Amino acid sequence: MLILVRDSADTPRLFRMLGLATMVPTILIAGPLACFLLGKWMINRWNLNPKLIMILVLLGLIASVIQTCRIVRRLYQENAPE
């Protein structure tokens, strides 16, 4: 549970952590979706093999997972006790 206190020195840090945490689902959806749309466009444009979509979606998912791991690592580093 997140409780914000007025004039707290931790408020900017809490908002930054909240912003990073809400980016995780967006990134996990955006990578494969963008690659799917790119694959559909490439198939329609150049009559390529439809298996290209599956390959691009997997690449997008891998990239999204890597980026998510970076965000989680950053959250843990910022939240580590000093």
PDB file of N, CA and C in Angstrom:
ATOM      1  N   MET A   1       0.840  -1.170   0.000  1.00  0.00           N
ATOM      2  CA  MET A   1       0.000   0.000   0.000  1.00  0.00           C
ATOM      3  C   MET A   1       0.889   1.239   0.000  1.00  0.00           C
ATOM      4  N   LEU A   2       0.556   2.167  -0.833  1.00  0.00           N
ATOM      5  CA  LEU A   2       1.352   3.378  -0.980  1.00  0.00           C
ATOM      6  C   LEU A   2       0.667   4.523  -0.251  1.00  0.00           C
ATOM      7  N   ILE A   3       1.333   5.071   0.731  1.00  0.00           N
ATOM      8  CA  ILE A   3       0.796   6.196   1.480  1.00  0.00           C
ATOM      9  C   ILE A   3       1.730   7.378   1.250  1.00  0.00           C
ATOM     10  N   LEU A   4       1.178   8.457   0.733  1.00  0.00           N
ATOM     11  CA  LEU A   4       1.968   9.660   0.479  1.00  0.00           C
ATOM     12  C   LEU A   4       1.717  10.681   1.578  1.00  0.00           C
ATOM     13  N   VAL A   5       2.782  11.227   2.072  1.00  0.00           N
ATOM     14  CA  VAL A   5       2.700  12.248   3.111  1.00  0.00           C
ATOM     15  C   VAL A   5       3.138  13.565   2.491  1.00  0.00           C
ATOM     16  N   ARG A   6       2.428  14.620   2.778  1.00  0.00           N
ATOM     17  CA  ARG A   6       2.789  15.923   2.227  1.00  0.00           C
ATOM     18  C   ARG A   6       4.168  16.348   2.717  1.00  0.00           C
ATOM     19  N   ASP A   7       4.890  16.999   1.836  1.00  0.00           N
ATOM     20  CA  ASP A   7       6.224  17.520   2.126  1.00  0.00           C
ATOM     21  C   ASP A   7       7.197  16.418   2.543  1.00  0.00           C
ATOM     22  N   SER A   8       6.991  15.246   2.052  1.00  0.00           N
ATOM     23  CA  SER A   8       7.894  14.148   2.361  1.00  0.00           C
ATOM     24  C   SER A   8       9.034  14.135   1.356  1.00  0.00           C
ATOM     25  N   ALA A   9      10.225  13.819   1.816  1.00  0.00           N
ATOM     26  CA  ALA A   9      11.382  13.760   0.927  1.00  0.00           C
ATOM     27  C   ALA A   9      11.314  12.526   0.035  1.00  0.00           C
ATOM     28  N   ASP A  10      10.518  11.535   0.430  1.00  0.00           N
ATOM     29  CA  ASP A  10      10.410  10.301  -0.348  1.00  0.00           C
ATOM     30  C   ASP A  10       9.364  10.366  -1.452  1.00  0.00           C
ATOM     31  N   THR A  11       8.567  11.393  -1.509  1.00  0.00           N
ATOM     32  CA  THR A  11       7.485  11.463  -2.493  1.00  0.00           C
ATOM     33  C   THR A  11       7.988  11.393  -3.935  1.00  0.00           C
ATOM     34  N   PRO A  12       8.999  12.137  -4.352  1.00  0.00           N
ATOM     35  CA  PRO A  12       9.469  12.001  -5.739  1.00  0.00           C
ATOM     36  C   PRO A  12       9.988  10.599  -6.043  1.00  0.00           C
ATOM     37  N   ARG A  13      10.662   9.992  -5.079  1.00  0.00           N
ATOM     38  CA  ARG A  13      11.175   8.640  -5.286  1.00  0.00           C
ATOM     39  C   ARG A  13      10.036   7.632  -5.426  1.00  0.00           C
ATOM     40  N   LEU A  14       8.979   7.806  -4.637  1.00  0.00           N
ATOM     41  CA  LEU A  14       7.829   6.914  -4.723  1.00  0.00           C
ATOM     42  C   LEU A  14       7.117   7.049  -6.060  1.00  0.00           C
ATOM     43  N   PHE A  15       6.966   8.281  -6.550  1.00  0.00           N
ATOM     44  CA  PHE A  15       6.332   8.478  -7.846  1.00  0.00           C
ATOM     45  C   PHE A  15       7.185   7.893  -8.973  1.00  0.00           C
ATOM     46  N   ARG A  16       8.497   8.012  -8.860  1.00  0.00           N
ATOM     47  CA  ARG A  16       9.380   7.427  -9.872  1.00  0.00           C
ATOM     48  C   ARG A  16       9.257   5.905  -9.866  1.00  0.00           C
ATOM     49  N   MET A  17       9.233   5.298  -8.695  1.00  0.00           N
ATOM     50  CA  MET A  17       9.082   3.842  -8.606  1.00  0.00           C
ATOM     51  C   MET A  17       7.733   3.396  -9.160  1.00  0.00           C
ATOM     52  N   LEU A  18       6.692   4.156  -8.869  1.00  0.00           N
ATOM     53  CA  LEU A  18       5.366   3.834  -9.380  1.00  0.00           C
ATOM     54  C   LEU A  18       5.325   3.939 -10.898  1.00  0.00           C
ATOM     55  N   GLY A  19       5.968   4.954 -11.443  1.00  0.00           N
ATOM     56  CA  GLY A  19       6.023   5.110 -12.892  1.00  0.00           C
ATOM     57  C   GLY A  19       6.769   3.975 -13.570  1.00  0.00           C
ATOM     58  N   LEU A  20       7.895   3.565 -12.997  1.00  0.00           N
ATOM     59  CA  LEU A  20       8.640   2.446 -13.566  1.00  0.00           C
ATOM     60  C   LEU A  20       7.849   1.145 -13.470  1.00  0.00           C
ATOM     61  N   ALA A  21       7.148   0.945 -12.359  1.00  0.00           N
ATOM     62  CA  ALA A  21       6.384  -0.281 -12.176  1.00  0.00           C
ATOM     63  C   ALA A  21       5.208  -0.367 -13.146  1.00  0.00           C
ATOM     64  N   THR A  22       4.603   0.750 -13.483  1.00  0.00           N
ATOM     65  CA  THR A  22       3.477   0.709 -14.415  1.00  0.00           C
ATOM     66  C   THR A  22       3.933   0.571 -15.864  1.00  0.00           C
ATOM     67  N   MET A  23       5.209   0.787 -16.116  1.00  0.00           N
ATOM     68  CA  MET A  23       5.727   0.608 -17.475  1.00  0.00           C
ATOM     69  C   MET A  23       5.873  -0.867 -17.850  1.00  0.00           C
ATOM     70  N   VAL A  24       5.998  -1.738 -16.865  1.00  0.00           N
ATOM     71  CA  VAL A  24       6.280  -3.150 -17.126  1.00  0.00           C
ATOM     72  C   VAL A  24       5.211  -3.805 -18.002  1.00  0.00           C
ATOM     73  N   PRO A  25       3.905  -3.742 -17.661  1.00  0.00           N
ATOM     74  CA  PRO A  25       2.927  -4.394 -18.541  1.00  0.00           C
ATOM     75  C   PRO A  25       2.853  -3.764 -19.926  1.00  0.00           C
ATOM     76  N   THR A  26       3.056  -2.466 -19.992  1.00  0.00           N
ATOM     77  CA  THR A  26       3.024  -1.785 -21.286  1.00  0.00           C
ATOM     78  C   THR A  26       4.143  -2.281 -22.188  1.00  0.00           C
ATOM     79  N   ILE A  27       5.320  -2.437 -21.638  1.00  0.00           N
ATOM     80  CA  ILE A  27       6.459  -2.912 -22.425  1.00  0.00           C
ATOM     81  C   ILE A  27       6.257  -4.357 -22.857  1.00  0.00           C
ATOM     82  N   LEU A  28       5.707  -5.180 -21.959  1.00  0.00           N
ATOM     83  CA  LEU A  28       5.497  -6.584 -22.305  1.00  0.00           C
ATOM     84  C   LEU A  28       4.466  -6.763 -23.424  1.00  0.00           C
ATOM     85  N   ILE A  29       3.556  -5.834 -23.558  1.00  0.00           N
ATOM     86  CA  ILE A  29       2.562  -5.912 -24.629  1.00  0.00           C
ATOM     87  C   ILE A  29       3.071  -5.242 -25.900  1.00  0.00           C
ATOM     88  N   ALA A  30       3.765  -4.129 -25.766  1.00  0.00           N
ATOM     89  CA  ALA A  30       4.157  -3.316 -26.923  1.00  0.00           C
ATOM     90  C   ALA A  30       5.166  -4.007 -27.833  1.00  0.00           C
ATOM     91  N   GLY A  31       6.133  -4.717 -27.277  1.00  0.00           N
ATOM     92  CA  GLY A  31       7.162  -5.355 -28.102  1.00  0.00           C
ATOM     93  C   GLY A  31       6.601  -6.378 -29.083  1.00  0.00           C
ATOM     94  N   PRO A  32       5.893  -7.402 -28.585  1.00  0.00           N
ATOM     95  CA  PRO A  32       5.324  -8.381 -29.519  1.00  0.00           C
ATOM     96  C   PRO A  32       4.278  -7.785 -30.458  1.00  0.00           C
ATOM     97  N   LEU A  33       3.492  -6.827 -29.965  1.00  0.00           N
ATOM     98  CA  LEU A  33       2.470  -6.220 -30.812  1.00  0.00           C
ATOM     99  C   LEU A  33       3.095  -5.442 -31.965  1.00  0.00           C
ATOM    100  N   ALA A  34       4.122  -4.675 -31.672  1.00  0.00           N
ATOM    101  CA  ALA A  34       4.800  -3.910 -32.724  1.00  0.00           C
ATOM    102  C   ALA A  34       5.428  -4.844 -33.754  1.00  0.00           C
ATOM    103  N   CYS A  35       6.039  -5.922 -33.282  1.00  0.00           N
ATOM    104  CA  CYS A  35       6.648  -6.868 -34.220  1.00  0.00           C
ATOM    105  C   CYS A  35       5.597  -7.605 -35.034  1.00  0.00           C
ATOM    106  N   PHE A  36       4.442  -7.893 -34.436  1.00  0.00           N
ATOM    107  CA  PHE A  36       3.354  -8.522 -35.181  1.00  0.00           C
ATOM    108  C   PHE A  36       2.873  -7.613 -36.301  1.00  0.00           C
ATOM    109  N   LEU A  37       2.652  -6.342 -35.973  1.00  0.00           N
ATOM    110  CA  LEU A  37       2.189  -5.397 -36.984  1.00  0.00           C
ATOM    111  C   LEU A  37       3.236  -5.193 -38.082  1.00  0.00           C
ATOM    112  N   LEU A  38       4.499  -5.136 -37.690  1.00  0.00           N
ATOM    113  CA  LEU A  38       5.569  -5.016 -38.680  1.00  0.00           C
ATOM    114  C   LEU A  38       5.592  -6.241 -39.585  1.00  0.00           C
ATOM    115  N   GLY A  39       5.445  -7.429 -39.007  1.00  0.00           N
ATOM    116  CA  GLY A  39       5.429  -8.656 -39.804  1.00  0.00           C
ATOM    117  C   GLY A  39       4.263  -8.700 -40.764  1.00  0.00           C
ATOM    118  N   LYS A  40       3.064  -8.307 -40.316  1.00  0.00           N
ATOM    119  CA  LYS A  40       1.897  -8.273 -41.207  1.00  0.00           C
ATOM    120  C   LYS A  40       2.135  -7.321 -42.370  1.00  0.00           C
ATOM    121  N   TRP A  41       2.716  -6.171 -42.064  1.00  0.00           N
ATOM    122  CA  TRP A  41       2.979  -5.195 -43.116  1.00  0.00           C
ATOM    123  C   TRP A  41       3.993  -5.753 -44.119  1.00  0.00           C
ATOM    124  N   MET A  42       5.054  -6.385 -43.605  1.00  0.00           N
ATOM    125  CA  MET A  42       6.080  -6.929 -44.490  1.00  0.00           C
ATOM    126  C   MET A  42       5.527  -8.054 -45.366  1.00  0.00           C
ATOM    127  N   ILE A  43       4.674  -8.891 -44.812  1.00  0.00           N
ATOM    128  CA  ILE A  43       4.085  -9.981 -45.584  1.00  0.00           C
ATOM    129  C   ILE A  43       3.173  -9.433 -46.672  1.00  0.00           C
ATOM    130  N   ASN A  44       2.362  -8.450 -46.334  1.00  0.00           N
ATOM    131  CA  ASN A  44       1.466  -7.858 -47.338  1.00  0.00           C
ATOM    132  C   ASN A  44       2.239  -7.075 -48.398  1.00  0.00           C
ATOM    133  N   ARG A  45       3.311  -6.453 -47.991  1.00  0.00           N
ATOM    134  CA  ARG A  45       4.069  -5.606 -48.919  1.00  0.00           C
ATOM    135  C   ARG A  45       4.918  -6.424 -49.887  1.00  0.00           C
ATOM    136  N   TRP A  46       5.631  -7.430 -49.365  1.00  0.00           N
ATOM    137  CA  TRP A  46       6.593  -8.160 -50.189  1.00  0.00           C
ATOM    138  C   TRP A  46       6.268  -9.641 -50.371  1.00  0.00           C
ATOM    139  N   ASN A  47       5.068 -10.081 -49.970  1.00  0.00           N
ATOM    140  CA  ASN A  47       4.645 -11.478 -50.125  1.00  0.00           C
ATOM    141  C   ASN A  47       5.659 -12.454 -49.534  1.00  0.00           C
ATOM    142  N   LEU A  48       6.045 -12.224 -48.283  1.00  0.00           N
ATOM    143  CA  LEU A  48       7.003 -13.081 -47.605  1.00  0.00           C
ATOM    144  C   LEU A  48       6.289 -14.258 -46.944  1.00  0.00           C
ATOM    145  N   ASN A  49       7.076 -15.167 -46.388  1.00  0.00           N
ATOM    146  CA  ASN A  49       6.557 -16.336 -45.705  1.00  0.00           C
ATOM    147  C   ASN A  49       5.818 -15.915 -44.432  1.00  0.00           C
ATOM    148  N   PRO A  50       4.597 -16.427 -44.211  1.00  0.00           N
ATOM    149  CA  PRO A  50       3.839 -16.052 -43.005  1.00  0.00           C
ATOM    150  C   PRO A  50       4.508 -16.476 -41.692  1.00  0.00           C
ATOM    151  N   LYS A  51       5.460 -17.377 -41.726  1.00  0.00           N
ATOM    152  CA  LYS A  51       6.172 -17.776 -40.508  1.00  0.00           C
ATOM    153  C   LYS A  51       7.015 -16.627 -39.964  1.00  0.00           C
ATOM    154  N   LEU A  52       7.230 -15.618 -40.782  1.00  0.00           N
ATOM    155  CA  LEU A  52       7.990 -14.447 -40.354  1.00  0.00           C
ATOM    156  C   LEU A  52       7.332 -13.762 -39.156  1.00  0.00           C
ATOM    157  N   ILE A  53       5.994 -13.778 -39.121  1.00  0.00           N
ATOM    158  CA  ILE A  53       5.284 -13.147 -38.008  1.00  0.00           C
ATOM    159  C   ILE A  53       5.658 -13.822 -36.696  1.00  0.00           C
ATOM    160  N   MET A  54       5.687 -15.148 -36.684  1.00  0.00           N
ATOM    161  CA  MET A  54       6.007 -15.876 -35.461  1.00  0.00           C
ATOM    162  C   MET A  54       7.429 -15.552 -34.997  1.00  0.00           C
ATOM    163  N   ILE A  55       8.346 -15.473 -35.933  1.00  0.00           N
ATOM    164  CA  ILE A  55       9.733 -15.156 -35.591  1.00  0.00           C
ATOM    165  C   ILE A  55       9.836 -13.748 -35.028  1.00  0.00           C
ATOM    166  N   LEU A  56       9.172 -12.787 -35.669  1.00  0.00           N
ATOM    167  CA  LEU A  56       9.232 -11.401 -35.192  1.00  0.00           C
ATOM    168  C   LEU A  56       8.559 -11.232 -33.839  1.00  0.00           C
ATOM    169  N   VAL A  57       7.441 -11.921 -33.622  1.00  0.00           N
ATOM    170  CA  VAL A  57       6.767 -11.822 -32.322  1.00  0.00           C
ATOM    171  C   VAL A  57       7.659 -12.393 -31.219  1.00  0.00           C
ATOM    172  N   LEU A  58       8.338 -13.496 -31.494  1.00  0.00           N
ATOM    173  CA  LEU A  58       9.260 -14.053 -30.504  1.00  0.00           C
ATOM    174  C   LEU A  58      10.414 -13.104 -30.218  1.00  0.00           C
ATOM    175  N   LEU A  59      10.944 -12.465 -31.257  1.00  0.00           N
ATOM    176  CA  LEU A  59      12.003 -11.472 -31.050  1.00  0.00           C
ATOM    177  C   LEU A  59      11.494 -10.285 -30.224  1.00  0.00           C
ATOM    178  N   GLY A  60      10.275  -9.845 -30.513  1.00  0.00           N
ATOM    179  CA  GLY A  60       9.685  -8.756 -29.740  1.00  0.00           C
ATOM    180  C   GLY A  60       9.460  -9.137 -28.293  1.00  0.00           C
ATOM    181  N   LEU A  61       9.055 -10.385 -28.055  1.00  0.00           N
ATOM    182  CA  LEU A  61       8.863 -10.852 -26.689  1.00  0.00           C
ATOM    183  C   LEU A  61      10.188 -10.927 -25.942  1.00  0.00           C
ATOM    184  N   ILE A  62      11.224 -11.414 -26.598  1.00  0.00           N
ATOM    185  CA  ILE A  62      12.550 -11.482 -25.970  1.00  0.00           C
ATOM    186  C   ILE A  62      13.047 -10.083 -25.616  1.00  0.00           C
ATOM    187  N   ALA A  63      12.886  -9.150 -26.549  1.00  0.00           N
ATOM    188  CA  ALA A  63      13.316  -7.770 -26.280  1.00  0.00           C
ATOM    189  C   ALA A  63      12.514  -7.159 -25.129  1.00  0.00           C
ATOM    190  N   SER A  64      11.225  -7.454 -25.063  1.00  0.00           N
ATOM    191  CA  SER A  64      10.389  -6.925 -23.981  1.00  0.00           C
ATOM    192  C   SER A  64      10.798  -7.496 -22.632  1.00  0.00           C
ATOM    193  N   VAL A  65      11.112  -8.784 -22.594  1.00  0.00           N
ATOM    194  CA  VAL A  65      11.530  -9.400 -21.331  1.00  0.00           C
ATOM    195  C   VAL A  65      12.864  -8.815 -20.869  1.00  0.00           C
ATOM    196  N   ILE A  66      13.785  -8.600 -21.804  1.00  0.00           N
ATOM    197  CA  ILE A  66      15.077  -8.002 -21.448  1.00  0.00           C
ATOM    198  C   ILE A  66      14.878  -6.603 -20.877  1.00  0.00           C
ATOM    199  N   GLN A  67      14.041  -5.809 -21.523  1.00  0.00           N
ATOM    200  CA  GLN A  67      13.789  -4.453 -21.041  1.00  0.00           C
ATOM    201  C   GLN A  67      13.087  -4.472 -19.684  1.00  0.00           C
ATOM    202  N   THR A  68      12.170  -5.406 -19.490  1.00  0.00           N
ATOM    203  CA  THR A  68      11.484  -5.529 -18.207  1.00  0.00           C
ATOM    204  C   THR A  68      12.466  -5.894 -17.100  1.00  0.00           C
ATOM    205  N   CYS A  69      13.398  -6.784 -17.386  1.00  0.00           N
ATOM    206  CA  CYS A  69      14.414  -7.145 -16.390  1.00  0.00           C
ATOM    207  C   CYS A  69      15.267  -5.934 -16.019  1.00  0.00           C
ATOM    208  N   ARG A  70      15.584  -5.102 -16.989  1.00  0.00           N
ATOM    209  CA  ARG A  70      16.350  -3.881 -16.695  1.00  0.00           C
ATOM    210  C   ARG A  70      15.567  -2.939 -15.786  1.00  0.00           C
ATOM    211  N   ILE A  71      14.265  -2.813 -16.032  1.00  0.00           N
ATOM    212  CA  ILE A  71      13.441  -1.927 -15.216  1.00  0.00           C
ATOM    213  C   ILE A  71      13.327  -2.462 -13.797  1.00  0.00           C
ATOM    214  N   VAL A  72      13.120  -3.774 -13.663  1.00  0.00           N
ATOM    215  CA  VAL A  72      13.013  -4.362 -12.328  1.00  0.00           C
ATOM    216  C   VAL A  72      14.329  -4.219 -11.580  1.00  0.00           C
ATOM    217  N   ARG A  73      15.435  -4.426 -12.264  1.00  0.00           N
ATOM    218  CA  ARG A  73      16.743  -4.251 -11.624  1.00  0.00           C
ATOM    219  C   ARG A  73      16.920  -2.815 -11.152  1.00  0.00           C
ATOM    220  N   ARG A  74      16.506  -1.852 -11.965  1.00  0.00           N
ATOM    221  CA  ARG A  74      16.609  -0.441 -11.579  1.00  0.00           C
ATOM    222  C   ARG A  74      15.723  -0.140 -10.371  1.00  0.00           C
ATOM    223  N   LEU A  75      14.530  -0.730 -10.333  1.00  0.00           N
ATOM    224  CA  LEU A  75      13.647  -0.540  -9.180  1.00  0.00           C
ATOM    225  C   LEU A  75      14.285  -1.067  -7.909  1.00  0.00           C
ATOM    226  N   TYR A  76      14.890  -2.248  -7.989  1.00  0.00           N
ATOM    227  CA  TYR A  76      15.543  -2.815  -6.812  1.00  0.00           C
ATOM    228  C   TYR A  76      16.747  -1.998  -6.365  1.00  0.00           C
ATOM    229  N   GLN A  77      17.508  -1.477  -7.321  1.00  0.00           N
ATOM    230  CA  GLN A  77      18.676  -0.673  -6.961  1.00  0.00           C
ATOM    231  C   GLN A  77      18.257   0.627  -6.284  1.00  0.00           C
ATOM    232  N   GLU A  78      17.190   1.253  -6.767  1.00  0.00           N
ATOM    233  CA  GLU A  78      16.734   2.505  -6.172  1.00  0.00           C
ATOM    234  C   GLU A  78      16.098   2.279  -4.805  1.00  0.00           C
ATOM    235  N   ASN A  79      15.543   1.095  -4.594  1.00  0.00           N
ATOM    236  CA  ASN A  79      14.847   0.814  -3.351  1.00  0.00           C
ATOM    237  C   ASN A  79      15.747   0.148  -2.310  1.00  0.00           C
ATOM    238  N   ALA A  80      16.995  -0.134  -2.687  1.00  0.00           N
ATOM    239  CA  ALA A  80      17.923  -0.793  -1.765  1.00  0.00           C
ATOM    240  C   ALA A  80      18.256   0.129  -0.605  1.00  0.00           C
ATOM    241  N   PRO A  81      18.360  -0.447   0.582  1.00  0.00           N
ATOM    242  CA  PRO A  81      18.736   0.399   1.733  1.00  0.00           C
ATOM    243  C   PRO A  81      20.174   0.888   1.602  1.00  0.00           C
ATOM    244  N   GLU A  82      20.388   2.092   2.019  1.00  0.00           N
ATOM    245  CA  GLU A  82      21.711   2.703   1.869  1.00  0.00           C
ATOM    246  C   GLU A  82      22.562   2.515   3.095  1.00  0.00           C
TER     247      GLU A  82
END
